[in-house]
PDB file of N, CA and C in Angstrom:
ATOM      1  N   MET A   1     -10.159 -25.283  18.606  1.00  0.00           N
ATOM      2  CA  MET A   1     -10.307 -23.846  18.483  1.00  0.00           C
ATOM      3  C   MET A   1      -9.837 -23.180  19.774  1.00  0.00           C
ATOM      4  N   GLU A   2      -9.029 -22.176  19.638  1.00  0.00           N
ATOM      5  CA  GLU A   2      -8.483 -21.507  20.814  1.00  0.00           C
ATOM      6  C   GLU A   2      -9.436 -20.435  21.332  1.00  0.00           C
ATOM      7  N   LEU A   3      -9.390 -20.229  22.623  1.00  0.00           N
ATOM      8  CA  LEU A   3     -10.252 -19.248  23.274  1.00  0.00           C
ATOM      9  C   LEU A   3      -9.601 -17.869  23.194  1.00  0.00           C
ATOM     10  N   ILE A   4     -10.359 -16.880  22.753  1.00  0.00           N
ATOM     11  CA  ILE A   4      -9.847 -15.510  22.651  1.00  0.00           C
ATOM     12  C   ILE A   4     -10.265 -14.752  23.905  1.00  0.00           C
ATOM     13  N   ARG A   5      -9.283 -14.248  24.624  1.00  0.00           N
ATOM     14  CA  ARG A   5      -9.570 -13.459  25.821  1.00  0.00           C
ATOM     15  C   ARG A   5      -9.621 -11.988  25.441  1.00  0.00           C
ATOM     16  N   ARG A   6     -10.785 -11.404  25.600  1.00  0.00           N
ATOM     17  CA  ARG A   6     -10.961 -10.000  25.255  1.00  0.00           C
ATOM     18  C   ARG A   6     -10.987  -9.151  26.523  1.00  0.00           C
ATOM     19  N   GLN A   7     -10.218  -8.073  26.498  1.00  0.00           N
ATOM     20  CA  GLN A   7     -10.218  -7.130  27.599  1.00  0.00           C
ATOM     21  C   GLN A   7     -11.052  -5.916  27.194  1.00  0.00           C
ATOM     22  N   THR A   8     -11.404  -5.103  28.164  1.00  0.00           N
ATOM     23  CA  THR A   8     -12.110  -3.857  27.908  1.00  0.00           C
ATOM     24  C   THR A   8     -11.176  -2.707  28.234  1.00  0.00           C
ATOM     25  N   HIS A   9     -10.913  -1.873  27.234  1.00  0.00           N
ATOM     26  CA  HIS A   9     -10.056  -0.706  27.418  1.00  0.00           C
ATOM     27  C   HIS A   9     -10.943   0.530  27.463  1.00  0.00           C
ATOM     28  N   ILE A  10     -10.744   1.366  28.483  1.00  0.00           N
ATOM     29  CA  ILE A  10     -11.493   2.616  28.605  1.00  0.00           C
ATOM     30  C   ILE A  10     -10.534   3.756  28.277  1.00  0.00           C
ATOM     31  N   ILE A  11     -10.897   4.539  27.269  1.00  0.00           N
ATOM     32  CA  ILE A  11     -10.049   5.643  26.806  1.00  0.00           C
ATOM     33  C   ILE A  11     -10.781   6.953  27.051  1.00  0.00           C
ATOM     34  N   ASP A  12     -10.084   7.911  27.647  1.00  0.00           N
ATOM     35  CA  ASP A  12     -10.637   9.241  27.871  1.00  0.00           C
ATOM     36  C   ASP A  12     -10.243  10.123  26.690  1.00  0.00           C
ATOM     37  N   ALA A  13     -11.236  10.626  25.960  1.00  0.00           N
ATOM     38  CA  ALA A  13     -10.980  11.406  24.756  1.00  0.00           C
ATOM     39  C   ALA A  13     -10.782  12.892  25.037  1.00  0.00           C
ATOM     40  N   GLU A  14     -10.810  13.287  26.280  1.00  0.00           N
ATOM     41  CA  GLU A  14     -10.696  14.705  26.621  1.00  0.00           C
ATOM     42  C   GLU A  14      -9.329  15.244  26.213  1.00  0.00           C
ATOM     43  N   ALA A  15      -9.311  16.314  25.432  1.00  0.00           N
ATOM     44  CA  ALA A  15      -8.108  17.029  24.969  1.00  0.00           C
ATOM     45  C   ALA A  15      -7.214  16.158  24.084  1.00  0.00           C
ATOM     46  N   LYS A  16      -7.767  15.113  23.446  1.00  0.00           N
ATOM     47  CA  LYS A  16      -7.003  14.311  22.494  1.00  0.00           C
ATOM     48  C   LYS A  16      -7.476  14.650  21.093  1.00  0.00           C
ATOM     49  N   SER A  17      -6.545  14.678  20.145  1.00  0.00           N
ATOM     50  CA  SER A  17      -6.923  15.011  18.779  1.00  0.00           C
ATOM     51  C   SER A  17      -7.553  13.790  18.103  1.00  0.00           C
ATOM     52  N   LEU A  18      -8.354  14.052  17.093  1.00  0.00           N
ATOM     53  CA  LEU A  18      -9.139  13.020  16.415  1.00  0.00           C
ATOM     54  C   LEU A  18      -8.270  11.903  15.851  1.00  0.00           C
ATOM     55  N   GLY A  19      -7.244  12.234  15.114  1.00  0.00           N
ATOM     56  CA  GLY A  19      -6.422  11.233  14.453  1.00  0.00           C
ATOM     57  C   GLY A  19      -5.658  10.347  15.408  1.00  0.00           C
ATOM     58  N   ARG A  20      -5.046  10.940  16.418  1.00  0.00           N
ATOM     59  CA  ARG A  20      -4.265  10.158  17.383  1.00  0.00           C
ATOM     60  C   ARG A  20      -5.168   9.236  18.200  1.00  0.00           C
ATOM     61  N   LEU A  21      -6.359   9.716  18.513  1.00  0.00           N
ATOM     62  CA  LEU A  21      -7.319   8.894  19.234  1.00  0.00           C
ATOM     63  C   LEU A  21      -7.800   7.734  18.365  1.00  0.00           C
ATOM     64  N   ALA A  22      -8.061   8.013  17.094  1.00  0.00           N
ATOM     65  CA  ALA A  22      -8.542   6.978  16.172  1.00  0.00           C
ATOM     66  C   ALA A  22      -7.495   5.883  15.968  1.00  0.00           C
ATOM     67  N   VAL A  23      -6.219   6.261  15.893  1.00  0.00           N
ATOM     68  CA  VAL A  23      -5.146   5.269  15.743  1.00  0.00           C
ATOM     69  C   VAL A  23      -5.097   4.367  16.962  1.00  0.00           C
ATOM     70  N   GLN A  24      -5.185   4.960  18.144  1.00  0.00           N
ATOM     71  CA  GLN A  24      -5.137   4.200  19.388  1.00  0.00           C
ATOM     72  C   GLN A  24      -6.301   3.207  19.453  1.00  0.00           C
ATOM     73  N   VAL A  25      -7.492   3.653  19.082  1.00  0.00           N
ATOM     74  CA  VAL A  25      -8.676   2.794  19.108  1.00  0.00           C
ATOM     75  C   VAL A  25      -8.553   1.679  18.070  1.00  0.00           C
ATOM     76  N   ALA A  26      -8.094   2.006  16.864  1.00  0.00           N
ATOM     77  CA  ALA A  26      -7.988   1.007  15.793  1.00  0.00           C
ATOM     78  C   ALA A  26      -6.996  -0.099  16.146  1.00  0.00           C
ATOM     79  N   VAL A  27      -5.880   0.259  16.773  1.00  0.00           N
ATOM     80  CA  VAL A  27      -4.886  -0.745  17.179  1.00  0.00           C
ATOM     81  C   VAL A  27      -5.484  -1.701  18.206  1.00  0.00           C
ATOM     82  N   LEU A  28      -6.240  -1.172  19.165  1.00  0.00           N
ATOM     83  CA  LEU A  28      -6.841  -2.021  20.196  1.00  0.00           C
ATOM     84  C   LEU A  28      -7.947  -2.904  19.618  1.00  0.00           C
ATOM     85  N   LEU A  29      -8.742  -2.369  18.688  1.00  0.00           N
ATOM     86  CA  LEU A  29      -9.819  -3.156  18.083  1.00  0.00           C
ATOM     87  C   LEU A  29      -9.275  -4.300  17.237  1.00  0.00           C
ATOM     88  N   ARG A  30      -8.182  -4.058  16.521  1.00  0.00           N
ATOM     89  CA  ARG A  30      -7.590  -5.103  15.684  1.00  0.00           C
ATOM     90  C   ARG A  30      -6.809  -6.122  16.488  1.00  0.00           C
ATOM     91  N   GLY A  31      -6.289  -5.733  17.655  1.00  0.00           N
ATOM     92  CA  GLY A  31      -5.505  -6.639  18.473  1.00  0.00           C
ATOM     93  C   GLY A  31      -4.031  -6.601  18.143  1.00  0.00           C
ATOM     94  N   LYS A  32      -3.565  -5.531  17.518  1.00  0.00           N
ATOM     95  CA  LYS A  32      -2.156  -5.443  17.115  1.00  0.00           C
ATOM     96  C   LYS A  32      -1.221  -5.285  18.314  1.00  0.00           C
ATOM     97  N   HIS A  33      -1.756  -4.979  19.482  1.00  0.00           N
ATOM     98  CA  HIS A  33      -0.935  -4.838  20.677  1.00  0.00           C
ATOM     99  C   HIS A  33      -0.660  -6.185  21.343  1.00  0.00           C
ATOM    100  N   LYS A  34      -1.276  -7.249  20.860  1.00  0.00           N
ATOM    101  CA  LYS A  34      -1.117  -8.573  21.456  1.00  0.00           C
ATOM    102  C   LYS A  34       0.006  -9.349  20.764  1.00  0.00           C
ATOM    103  N   PRO A  35       0.710 -10.197  21.497  1.00  0.00           N
ATOM    104  CA  PRO A  35       1.805 -10.959  20.884  1.00  0.00           C
ATOM    105  C   PRO A  35       1.327 -12.035  19.913  1.00  0.00           C
ATOM    106  N   ASP A  36       0.073 -12.493  20.038  1.00  0.00           N
ATOM    107  CA  ASP A  36      -0.441 -13.530  19.146  1.00  0.00           C
ATOM    108  C   ASP A  36      -1.257 -12.952  17.987  1.00  0.00           C
ATOM    109  N   PHE A  37      -0.993 -11.714  17.586  1.00  0.00           N
ATOM    110  CA  PHE A  37      -1.720 -11.070  16.488  1.00  0.00           C
ATOM    111  C   PHE A  37      -1.389 -11.711  15.152  1.00  0.00           C
ATOM    112  N   VAL A  38      -2.414 -12.022  14.386  1.00  0.00           N
ATOM    113  CA  VAL A  38      -2.280 -12.419  12.988  1.00  0.00           C
ATOM    114  C   VAL A  38      -3.361 -11.658  12.214  1.00  0.00           C
ATOM    115  N   PRO A  39      -3.066 -11.189  11.010  1.00  0.00           N
ATOM    116  CA  PRO A  39      -3.998 -10.311  10.306  1.00  0.00           C
ATOM    117  C   PRO A  39      -5.346 -10.936   9.954  1.00  0.00           C
ATOM    118  N   TYR A  40      -5.409 -12.254   9.845  1.00  0.00           N
ATOM    119  CA  TYR A  40      -6.646 -12.900   9.396  1.00  0.00           C
ATOM    120  C   TYR A  40      -7.544 -13.353  10.543  1.00  0.00           C
ATOM    121  N   LYS A  41      -7.164 -13.083  11.799  1.00  0.00           N
ATOM    122  CA  LYS A  41      -7.995 -13.452  12.936  1.00  0.00           C
ATOM    123  C   LYS A  41      -8.478 -12.207  13.670  1.00  0.00           C
ATOM    124  N   ASP A  42      -9.643 -12.332  14.269  1.00  0.00           N
ATOM    125  CA  ASP A  42     -10.218 -11.233  15.043  1.00  0.00           C
ATOM    126  C   ASP A  42      -9.897 -11.456  16.513  1.00  0.00           C
ATOM    127  N   VAL A  43      -8.753 -10.934  16.966  1.00  0.00           N
ATOM    128  CA  VAL A  43      -8.312 -11.145  18.344  1.00  0.00           C
ATOM    129  C   VAL A  43      -8.318  -9.853  19.150  1.00  0.00           C
ATOM    130  N   GLY A  44      -8.966  -8.811  18.650  1.00  0.00           N
ATOM    131  CA  GLY A  44      -8.947  -7.504  19.298  1.00  0.00           C
ATOM    132  C   GLY A  44      -9.800  -7.433  20.542  1.00  0.00           C
ATOM    133  N   ASP A  45      -9.694  -6.309  21.221  1.00  0.00           N
ATOM    134  CA  ASP A  45     -10.390  -6.077  22.479  1.00  0.00           C
ATOM    135  C   ASP A  45     -11.553  -5.106  22.288  1.00  0.00           C
ATOM    136  N   THR A  46     -12.345  -4.944  23.349  1.00  0.00           N
ATOM    137  CA  THR A  46     -13.433  -3.980  23.363  1.00  0.00           C
ATOM    138  C   THR A  46     -12.887  -2.629  23.820  1.00  0.00           C
ATOM    139  N   VAL A  47     -13.320  -1.563  23.170  1.00  0.00           N
ATOM    140  CA  VAL A  47     -12.851  -0.215  23.506  1.00  0.00           C
ATOM    141  C   VAL A  47     -14.054   0.651  23.860  1.00  0.00           C
ATOM    142  N   VAL A  48     -13.991   1.298  25.025  1.00  0.00           N
ATOM    143  CA  VAL A  48     -15.022   2.238  25.465  1.00  0.00           C
ATOM    144  C   VAL A  48     -14.384   3.622  25.495  1.00  0.00           C
ATOM    145  N   VAL A  49     -14.984   4.578  24.789  1.00  0.00           N
ATOM    146  CA  VAL A  49     -14.446   5.937  24.715  1.00  0.00           C
ATOM    147  C   VAL A  49     -15.336   6.856  25.544  1.00  0.00           C
ATOM    148  N   LYS A  50     -14.714   7.575  26.498  1.00  0.00           N
ATOM    149  CA  LYS A  50     -15.431   8.511  27.355  1.00  0.00           C
ATOM    150  C   LYS A  50     -15.114   9.944  26.940  1.00  0.00           C
ATOM    151  N   ASN A  51     -15.952  10.873  27.322  1.00  0.00           N
ATOM    152  CA  ASN A  51     -15.780  12.312  27.081  1.00  0.00           C
ATOM    153  C   ASN A  51     -15.546  12.620  25.604  1.00  0.00           C
ATOM    154  N   ILE A  52     -16.323  12.007  24.745  1.00  0.00           N
ATOM    155  CA  ILE A  52     -16.138  12.183  23.299  1.00  0.00           C
ATOM    156  C   ILE A  52     -16.459  13.623  22.869  1.00  0.00           C
ATOM    157  N   ASP A  53     -17.283  14.317  23.647  1.00  0.00           N
ATOM    158  CA  ASP A  53     -17.631  15.704  23.309  1.00  0.00           C
ATOM    159  C   ASP A  53     -16.467  16.661  23.515  1.00  0.00           C
ATOM    160  N   LYS A  54     -15.475  16.278  24.315  1.00  0.00           N
ATOM    161  CA  LYS A  54     -14.347  17.153  24.622  1.00  0.00           C
ATOM    162  C   LYS A  54     -13.124  16.864  23.766  1.00  0.00           C
ATOM    163  N   MET A  55     -13.308  16.068  22.699  1.00  0.00           N
ATOM    164  CA  MET A  55     -12.223  15.778  21.767  1.00  0.00           C
ATOM    165  C   MET A  55     -11.862  17.056  21.008  1.00  0.00           C
ATOM    166  N   LYS A  56     -10.573  17.243  20.703  1.00  0.00           N
ATOM    167  CA  LYS A  56     -10.171  18.488  20.043  1.00  0.00           C
ATOM    168  C   LYS A  56      -9.820  18.240  18.574  1.00  0.00           C
ATOM    169  N   PHE A  57      -9.959  19.289  17.791  1.00  0.00           N
ATOM    170  CA  PHE A  57      -9.621  19.259  16.371  1.00  0.00           C
ATOM    171  C   PHE A  57      -8.571  20.332  16.129  1.00  0.00           C
ATOM    172  N   THR A  58      -7.404  19.932  15.641  1.00  0.00           N
ATOM    173  CA  THR A  58      -6.288  20.851  15.477  1.00  0.00           C
ATOM    174  C   THR A  58      -6.335  21.512  14.103  1.00  0.00           C
ATOM    175  N   GLY A  59      -5.674  22.650  14.009  1.00  0.00           N
ATOM    176  CA  GLY A  59      -5.557  23.349  12.729  1.00  0.00           C
ATOM    177  C   GLY A  59      -6.897  23.850  12.216  1.00  0.00           C
ATOM    178  N   ASN A  60      -7.037  23.851  10.898  1.00  0.00           N
ATOM    179  CA  ASN A  60      -8.264  24.333  10.260  1.00  0.00           C
ATOM    180  C   ASN A  60      -9.156  23.188   9.809  1.00  0.00           C
ATOM    181  N   LYS A  61      -9.113  22.066  10.518  1.00  0.00           N
ATOM    182  CA  LYS A  61      -9.853  20.884  10.088  1.00  0.00           C
ATOM    183  C   LYS A  61     -11.362  21.108  10.053  1.00  0.00           C
ATOM    184  N   LEU A  62     -11.886  21.937  10.946  1.00  0.00           N
ATOM    185  CA  LEU A  62     -13.333  22.153  10.968  1.00  0.00           C
ATOM    186  C   LEU A  62     -13.840  22.726   9.654  1.00  0.00           C
ATOM    187  N   GLU A  63     -13.038  23.548   8.994  1.00  0.00           N
ATOM    188  CA  GLU A  63     -13.455  24.144   7.725  1.00  0.00           C
ATOM    189  C   GLU A  63     -12.908  23.402   6.504  1.00  0.00           C
ATOM    190  N   ASN A  64     -11.700  22.824   6.619  1.00  0.00           N
ATOM    191  CA  ASN A  64     -11.029  22.266   5.443  1.00  0.00           C
ATOM    192  C   ASN A  64     -11.238  20.769   5.242  1.00  0.00           C
ATOM    193  N   LYS A  65     -11.438  20.002   6.318  1.00  0.00           N
ATOM    194  CA  LYS A  65     -11.607  18.554   6.175  1.00  0.00           C
ATOM    195  C   LYS A  65     -12.975  18.264   5.575  1.00  0.00           C
ATOM    196  N   LYS A  66     -13.006  17.406   4.557  1.00  0.00           N
ATOM    197  CA  LYS A  66     -14.256  17.102   3.861  1.00  0.00           C
ATOM    198  C   LYS A  66     -14.578  15.623   3.956  1.00  0.00           C
ATOM    199  N   TYR A  67     -15.860  15.337   4.069  1.00  0.00           N
ATOM    200  CA  TYR A  67     -16.382  13.971   4.043  1.00  0.00           C
ATOM    201  C   TYR A  67     -17.183  13.806   2.763  1.00  0.00           C
ATOM    202  N   PHE A  68     -16.957  12.711   2.066  1.00  0.00           N
ATOM    203  CA  PHE A  68     -17.583  12.473   0.776  1.00  0.00           C
ATOM    204  C   PHE A  68     -18.481  11.248   0.861  1.00  0.00           C
ATOM    205  N   ARG A  69     -19.580  11.292   0.102  1.00  0.00           N
ATOM    206  CA  ARG A  69     -20.410  10.101  -0.061  1.00  0.00           C
ATOM    207  C   ARG A  69     -21.122  10.188  -1.403  1.00  0.00           C
ATOM    208  N   PHE A  70     -21.413   9.031  -1.931  1.00  0.00           N
ATOM    209  CA  PHE A  70     -22.067   8.947  -3.234  1.00  0.00           C
ATOM    210  C   PHE A  70     -23.382   8.213  -3.055  1.00  0.00           C
ATOM    211  N   THR A  71     -24.482   8.833  -3.473  1.00  0.00           N
ATOM    212  CA  THR A  71     -25.801   8.249  -3.256  1.00  0.00           C
ATOM    213  C   THR A  71     -26.110   7.123  -4.224  1.00  0.00           C
ATOM    214  N   GLY A  72     -25.396   7.048  -5.327  1.00  0.00           N
ATOM    215  CA  GLY A  72     -25.666   6.014  -6.320  1.00  0.00           C
ATOM    216  C   GLY A  72     -26.337   6.574  -7.559  1.00  0.00           C
ATOM    217  N   TYR A  73     -26.834   7.793  -7.486  1.00  0.00           N
ATOM    218  CA  TYR A  73     -27.472   8.432  -8.617  1.00  0.00           C
ATOM    219  C   TYR A  73     -26.482   9.361  -9.314  1.00  0.00           C
ATOM    220  N   LEU A  74     -26.683   9.568 -10.596  1.00  0.00           N
ATOM    221  CA  LEU A  74     -25.798  10.432 -11.358  1.00  0.00           C
ATOM    222  C   LEU A  74     -25.832  11.854 -10.798  1.00  0.00           C
ATOM    223  N   GLY A  75     -24.666  12.431 -10.588  1.00  0.00           N
ATOM    224  CA  GLY A  75     -24.565  13.801 -10.108  1.00  0.00           C
ATOM    225  C   GLY A  75     -24.820  13.973  -8.627  1.00  0.00           C
ATOM    226  N   ASN A  76     -24.950  12.900  -7.893  1.00  0.00           N
ATOM    227  CA  ASN A  76     -25.234  13.007  -6.457  1.00  0.00           C
ATOM    228  C   ASN A  76     -24.026  12.625  -5.621  1.00  0.00           C
ATOM    229  N   PHE A  77     -22.925  13.314  -5.847  1.00  0.00           N
ATOM    230  CA  PHE A  77     -21.709  13.158  -5.066  1.00  0.00           C
ATOM    231  C   PHE A  77     -21.748  14.233  -3.995  1.00  0.00           C
ATOM    232  N   LYS A  78     -22.046  13.851  -2.749  1.00  0.00           N
ATOM    233  CA  LYS A  78     -22.263  14.814  -1.671  1.00  0.00           C
ATOM    234  C   LYS A  78     -20.966  15.036  -0.901  1.00  0.00           C
ATOM    235  N   THR A  79     -20.733  16.281  -0.505  1.00  0.00           N
ATOM    236  CA  THR A  79     -19.589  16.610   0.344  1.00  0.00           C
ATOM    237  C   THR A  79     -20.093  17.396   1.552  1.00  0.00           C
ATOM    238  N   ALA A  80     -19.386  17.234   2.656  1.00  0.00           N
ATOM    239  CA  ALA A  80     -19.706  17.979   3.873  1.00  0.00           C
ATOM    240  C   ALA A  80     -18.403  18.257   4.612  1.00  0.00           C
ATOM    241  N   THR A  81     -18.304  19.436   5.201  1.00  0.00           N
ATOM    242  CA  THR A  81     -17.119  19.748   6.003  1.00  0.00           C
ATOM    243  C   THR A  81     -17.248  19.068   7.363  1.00  0.00           C
ATOM    244  N   LEU A  82     -16.154  19.052   8.110  1.00  0.00           N
ATOM    245  CA  LEU A  82     -16.161  18.433   9.432  1.00  0.00           C
ATOM    246  C   LEU A  82     -17.154  19.132  10.356  1.00  0.00           C
ATOM    247  N   LYS A  83     -17.273  20.446  10.241  1.00  0.00           N
ATOM    248  CA  LYS A  83     -18.205  21.195  11.085  1.00  0.00           C
ATOM    249  C   LYS A  83     -19.650  20.777  10.800  1.00  0.00           C
ATOM    250  N   GLU A  84     -20.001  20.648   9.504  1.00  0.00           N
ATOM    251  CA  GLU A  84     -21.348  20.213   9.134  1.00  0.00           C
ATOM    252  C   GLU A  84     -21.608  18.775   9.587  1.00  0.00           C
ATOM    253  N   PHE A  85     -20.600  17.921   9.431  1.00  0.00           N
ATOM    254  CA  PHE A  85     -20.717  16.514   9.813  1.00  0.00           C
ATOM    255  C   PHE A  85     -20.905  16.389  11.329  1.00  0.00           C
ATOM    256  N   LEU A  86     -20.194  17.229  12.103  1.00  0.00           N
ATOM    257  CA  LEU A  86     -20.346  17.226  13.558  1.00  0.00           C
ATOM    258  C   LEU A  86     -21.747  17.639  13.977  1.00  0.00           C
ATOM    259  N   ILE A  87     -22.277  18.655  13.323  1.00  0.00           N
ATOM    260  CA  ILE A  87     -23.609  19.140  13.672  1.00  0.00           C
ATOM    261  C   ILE A  87     -24.663  18.093  13.326  1.00  0.00           C
ATOM    262  N   LYS A  88     -24.527  17.480  12.152  1.00  0.00           N
ATOM    263  CA  LYS A  88     -25.538  16.533  11.679  1.00  0.00           C
ATOM    264  C   LYS A  88     -25.451  15.174  12.378  1.00  0.00           C
ATOM    265  N   LYS A  89     -24.246  14.610  12.501  1.00  0.00           N
ATOM    266  CA  LYS A  89     -24.084  13.244  13.007  1.00  0.00           C
ATOM    267  C   LYS A  89     -23.563  13.176  14.440  1.00  0.00           C
ATOM    268  N   GLY A  90     -22.759  14.154  14.854  1.00  0.00           N
ATOM    269  CA  GLY A  90     -22.214  14.155  16.211  1.00  0.00           C
ATOM    270  C   GLY A  90     -20.790  13.627  16.259  1.00  0.00           C
ATOM    271  N   PRO A  91     -20.100  13.852  17.379  1.00  0.00           N
ATOM    272  CA  PRO A  91     -18.696  13.450  17.492  1.00  0.00           C
ATOM    273  C   PRO A  91     -18.492  11.937  17.511  1.00  0.00           C
ATOM    274  N   LYS A  92     -19.494  11.171  17.946  1.00  0.00           N
ATOM    275  CA  LYS A  92     -19.361   9.712  17.952  1.00  0.00           C
ATOM    276  C   LYS A  92     -19.177   9.183  16.528  1.00  0.00           C
ATOM    277  N   GLU A  93     -19.973   9.693  15.614  1.00  0.00           N
ATOM    278  CA  GLU A  93     -19.897   9.221  14.227  1.00  0.00           C
ATOM    279  C   GLU A  93     -18.618   9.704  13.550  1.00  0.00           C
ATOM    280  N   VAL A  94     -18.100  10.860  13.952  1.00  0.00           N
ATOM    281  CA  VAL A  94     -16.837  11.355  13.395  1.00  0.00           C
ATOM    282  C   VAL A  94     -15.703  10.411  13.767  1.00  0.00           C
ATOM    283  N   LEU A  95     -15.630  10.024  15.039  1.00  0.00           N
ATOM    284  CA  LEU A  95     -14.587   9.095  15.480  1.00  0.00           C
ATOM    285  C   LEU A  95     -14.794   7.721  14.861  1.00  0.00           C
ATOM    286  N   ARG A  96     -16.022   7.266  14.795  1.00  0.00           N
ATOM    287  CA  ARG A  96     -16.313   5.956  14.202  1.00  0.00           C
ATOM    288  C   ARG A  96     -15.903   5.903  12.734  1.00  0.00           C
ATOM    289  N   THR A  97     -16.143   6.982  11.993  1.00  0.00           N
ATOM    290  CA  THR A  97     -15.751   7.048  10.585  1.00  0.00           C
ATOM    291  C   THR A  97     -14.234   7.026  10.443  1.00  0.00           C
ATOM    292  N   ALA A  98     -13.541   7.739  11.317  1.00  0.00           N
ATOM    293  CA  ALA A  98     -12.079   7.760  11.273  1.00  0.00           C
ATOM    294  C   ALA A  98     -11.499   6.378  11.567  1.00  0.00           C
ATOM    295  N   VAL A  99     -12.076   5.686  12.552  1.00  0.00           N
ATOM    296  CA  VAL A  99     -11.595   4.346  12.904  1.00  0.00           C
ATOM    297  C   VAL A  99     -11.916   3.354  11.786  1.00  0.00           C
ATOM    298  N   MET A 100     -13.102   3.470  11.182  1.00  0.00           N
ATOM    299  CA  MET A 100     -13.481   2.575  10.075  1.00  0.00           C
ATOM    300  C   MET A 100     -12.476   2.657   8.934  1.00  0.00           C
ATOM    301  N   GLY A 101     -11.978   3.857   8.663  1.00  0.00           N
ATOM    302  CA  GLY A 101     -10.995   4.017   7.597  1.00  0.00           C
ATOM    303  C   GLY A 101      -9.654   3.388   7.919  1.00  0.00           C
ATOM    304  N   MET A 102      -9.388   3.132   9.199  1.00  0.00           N
ATOM    305  CA  MET A 102      -8.111   2.552   9.610  1.00  0.00           C
ATOM    306  C   MET A 102      -8.159   1.039   9.773  1.00  0.00           C
ATOM    307  N   LEU A 103      -9.355   0.466   9.781  1.00  0.00           N
ATOM    308  CA  LEU A 103      -9.475  -0.984   9.891  1.00  0.00           C
ATOM    309  C   LEU A 103      -9.389  -1.614   8.506  1.00  0.00           C
ATOM    310  N   THR A 104      -9.139  -2.932   8.483  1.00  0.00           N
ATOM    311  CA  THR A 104      -9.024  -3.634   7.197  1.00  0.00           C
ATOM    312  C   THR A 104     -10.371  -3.664   6.488  1.00  0.00           C
ATOM    313  N   LYS A 105     -10.335  -3.557   5.177  1.00  0.00           N
ATOM    314  CA  LYS A 105     -11.567  -3.508   4.405  1.00  0.00           C
ATOM    315  C   LYS A 105     -11.990  -4.925   4.008  1.00  0.00           C
ATOM    316  N   ASN A 106     -12.420  -5.715   4.983  1.00  0.00           N
ATOM    317  CA  ASN A 106     -12.884  -7.068   4.718  1.00  0.00           C
ATOM    318  C   ASN A 106     -13.946  -7.446   5.752  1.00  0.00           C
ATOM    319  N   LYS A 107     -14.255  -8.730   5.855  1.00  0.00           N
ATOM    320  CA  LYS A 107     -15.327  -9.178   6.741  1.00  0.00           C
ATOM    321  C   LYS A 107     -15.025  -8.932   8.212  1.00  0.00           C
ATOM    322  N   LEU A 108     -13.750  -8.807   8.567  1.00  0.00           N
ATOM    323  CA  LEU A 108     -13.394  -8.595   9.963  1.00  0.00           C
ATOM    324  C   LEU A 108     -13.801  -7.207  10.454  1.00  0.00           C
ATOM    325  N   ARG A 109     -13.845  -6.237   9.543  1.00  0.00           N
ATOM    326  CA  ARG A 109     -14.116  -4.860   9.956  1.00  0.00           C
ATOM    327  C   ARG A 109     -15.477  -4.719  10.631  1.00  0.00           C
ATOM    328  N   ALA A 110     -16.491  -5.402  10.123  1.00  0.00           N
ATOM    329  CA  ALA A 110     -17.830  -5.303  10.709  1.00  0.00           C
ATOM    330  C   ALA A 110     -17.846  -5.845  12.134  1.00  0.00           C
ATOM    331  N   ARG A 111     -17.111  -6.929  12.372  1.00  0.00           N
ATOM    332  CA  ARG A 111     -17.049  -7.507  13.713  1.00  0.00           C
ATOM    333  C   ARG A 111     -16.250  -6.619  14.654  1.00  0.00           C
ATOM    334  N   GLN A 112     -15.174  -6.027  14.138  1.00  0.00           N
ATOM    335  CA  GLN A 112     -14.308  -5.216  14.992  1.00  0.00           C
ATOM    336  C   GLN A 112     -14.970  -3.907  15.386  1.00  0.00           C
ATOM    337  N   ILE A 113     -15.666  -3.271  14.465  1.00  0.00           N
ATOM    338  CA  ILE A 113     -16.252  -1.959  14.766  1.00  0.00           C
ATOM    339  C   ILE A 113     -17.422  -2.080  15.752  1.00  0.00           C
ATOM    340  N   LYS A 114     -18.012  -3.263  15.860  1.00  0.00           N
ATOM    341  CA  LYS A 114     -19.102  -3.472  16.827  1.00  0.00           C
ATOM    342  C   LYS A 114     -18.591  -3.406  18.262  1.00  0.00           C
ATOM    343  N   ARG A 115     -17.305  -3.610  18.458  1.00  0.00           N
ATOM    344  CA  ARG A 115     -16.733  -3.576  19.798  1.00  0.00           C
ATOM    345  C   ARG A 115     -16.309  -2.166  20.211  1.00  0.00           C
ATOM    346  N   LEU A 116     -16.607  -1.161  19.396  1.00  0.00           N
ATOM    347  CA  LEU A 116     -16.348   0.239  19.762  1.00  0.00           C
ATOM    348  C   LEU A 116     -17.596   0.799  20.427  1.00  0.00           C
ATOM    349  N   LYS A 117     -17.469   1.175  21.690  1.00  0.00           N
ATOM    350  CA  LYS A 117     -18.601   1.695  22.464  1.00  0.00           C
ATOM    351  C   LYS A 117     -18.304   3.111  22.929  1.00  0.00           C
ATOM    352  N   PHE A 118     -19.353   3.859  23.235  1.00  0.00           N
ATOM    353  CA  PHE A 118     -19.209   5.240  23.708  1.00  0.00           C
ATOM    354  C   PHE A 118     -19.985   5.405  25.012  1.00  0.00           C
ATOM    355  N   GLU A 119     -19.419   6.210  25.923  1.00  0.00           N
ATOM    356  CA  GLU A 119     -20.112   6.542  27.180  1.00  0.00           C
ATOM    357  C   GLU A 119     -20.543   7.977  27.171  1.00  0.00           C
TER     358      GLU A 119
END
């Protein structure tokens, strides 16, 4: 079994838009920047995001972007705008949700998202 060397990347989120920041974080978590990347192995690095409160949202995303969830009961399809989601959950959860959508939907995602930290 080969040894995986993990680095720690510190990213400053100040004045960066949500989507571009999420792409940068997802690439580092998956390990796609490494020459020995293969999709079925977890070779990604740890990512620490600073100044998450100063992240910017471009356009009309605060009013138009919607988050959906289903409670499991009939008729309980809940929606929330980005502004409501920010107030209720905070900017950390907004970025985490965006990154989760960019990672692979399999067993690796749970391991990779644990390496996303906030300061």
